Amino acid sequence: MVALAGILLLIGLGLLLVGIFVEAAKFLLWLGLVIIVIAIIVGLMRFIRRQV
């Protein structure tokens, strides 16, 4: 029973860490998308200013 409890503890900790990393990855994904949109806007503004 002690070995089973230890195995379950390790599995639980592993799943907890995976959950944390997935949430961090989701946050970084959204952050990356925001940075890409800002870069596109800045590029368009440069292009428009050169045309004028």
C-alpha atoms as a PDB file:
ATOM      1  CA  MET A   1       0.000   0.000   0.000  1.00  0.00           C
ATOM      2  CA  VAL A   2       2.890   2.388   0.700  1.00  0.00           C
ATOM      3  CA  ALA A   3       4.311   1.789  -2.775  1.00  0.00           C
ATOM      4  CA  LEU A   4       0.884   2.401  -4.341  1.00  0.00           C
ATOM      5  CA  ALA A   5       0.532   5.668  -2.407  1.00  0.00           C
ATOM      6  CA  GLY A   6       4.005   6.743  -3.556  1.00  0.00           C
ATOM      7  CA  ILE A   7       3.193   5.962  -7.173  1.00  0.00           C
ATOM      8  CA  LEU A   8      -0.092   7.853  -6.938  1.00  0.00           C
ATOM      9  CA  LEU A   9       1.726  10.803  -5.367  1.00  0.00           C
ATOM     10  CA  LEU A  10       4.248  10.905  -8.227  1.00  0.00           C
ATOM     11  CA  ILE A  11       1.489  10.664 -10.838  1.00  0.00           C
ATOM     12  CA  GLY A  12      -0.450  13.436  -9.103  1.00  0.00           C
ATOM     13  CA  LEU A  13       2.600  15.710  -8.985  1.00  0.00           C
ATOM     14  CA  GLY A  14       3.339  14.995 -12.641  1.00  0.00           C
ATOM     15  CA  LEU A  15      -0.192  15.888 -13.670  1.00  0.00           C
ATOM     16  CA  LEU A  16      -0.067  19.040 -11.548  1.00  0.00           C
ATOM     17  CA  LEU A  17       3.144  20.186 -13.245  1.00  0.00           C
ATOM     18  CA  VAL A  18       1.736  19.413 -16.696  1.00  0.00           C
ATOM     19  CA  GLY A  19      -1.343  21.472 -15.869  1.00  0.00           C
ATOM     20  CA  ILE A  20       0.788  24.414 -14.772  1.00  0.00           C
ATOM     21  CA  PHE A  21       2.967  24.228 -17.888  1.00  0.00           C
ATOM     22  CA  VAL A  22      -0.055  24.009 -20.191  1.00  0.00           C
ATOM     23  CA  GLU A  23      -1.560  27.119 -18.580  1.00  0.00           C
ATOM     24  CA  ALA A  24       1.781  28.907 -18.956  1.00  0.00           C
ATOM     25  CA  ALA A  25       1.940  27.807 -22.590  1.00  0.00           C
ATOM     26  CA  LYS A  26      -1.564  29.167 -23.205  1.00  0.00           C
ATOM     27  CA  PHE A  27      -0.549  32.500 -21.679  1.00  0.00           C
ATOM     28  CA  LEU A  28       2.618  32.642 -23.760  1.00  0.00           C
ATOM     29  CA  LEU A  29       0.629  31.770 -26.880  1.00  0.00           C
ATOM     30  CA  TRP A  30      -1.710  34.720 -26.331  1.00  0.00           C
ATOM     31  CA  LEU A  31       1.218  36.983 -25.474  1.00  0.00           C
ATOM     32  CA  GLY A  32       2.960  35.954 -28.688  1.00  0.00           C
ATOM     33  CA  LEU A  33      -0.162  36.661 -30.728  1.00  0.00           C
ATOM     34  CA  VAL A  34      -0.466  40.135 -29.194  1.00  0.00           C
ATOM     35  CA  ILE A  35       3.182  40.883 -29.985  1.00  0.00           C
ATOM     36  CA  ILE A  36       2.692  39.736 -33.593  1.00  0.00           C
ATOM     37  CA  VAL A  37      -0.352  41.988 -34.005  1.00  0.00           C
ATOM     38  CA  ILE A  38       1.566  44.951 -32.570  1.00  0.00           C
ATOM     39  CA  ALA A  39       4.485  44.246 -34.938  1.00  0.00           C
ATOM     40  CA  ILE A  40       2.118  44.158 -37.920  1.00  0.00           C
ATOM     41  CA  ILE A  41       0.556  47.475 -36.888  1.00  0.00           C
ATOM     42  CA  VAL A  42       3.990  49.086 -36.494  1.00  0.00           C
ATOM     43  CA  GLY A  43       5.050  47.757 -39.893  1.00  0.00           C
ATOM     44  CA  LEU A  44       1.916  49.131 -41.525  1.00  0.00           C
ATOM     45  CA  MET A  45       2.441  52.515 -39.891  1.00  0.00           C
ATOM     46  CA  ARG A  46       6.018  52.658 -41.265  1.00  0.00           C
ATOM     47  CA  PHE A  47       4.774  51.694 -44.722  1.00  0.00           C
ATOM     48  CA  ILE A  48       2.049  54.333 -44.651  1.00  0.00           C
ATOM     49  CA  ARG A  49       4.436  57.056 -43.452  1.00  0.00           C
ATOM     50  CA  ARG A  50       6.912  56.246 -46.259  1.00  0.00           C
ATOM     51  CA  GLN A  51       4.161  56.557 -48.843  1.00  0.00           C
ATOM     52  CA  VAL A  52       3.143  60.054 -47.728  1.00  0.00           C
END
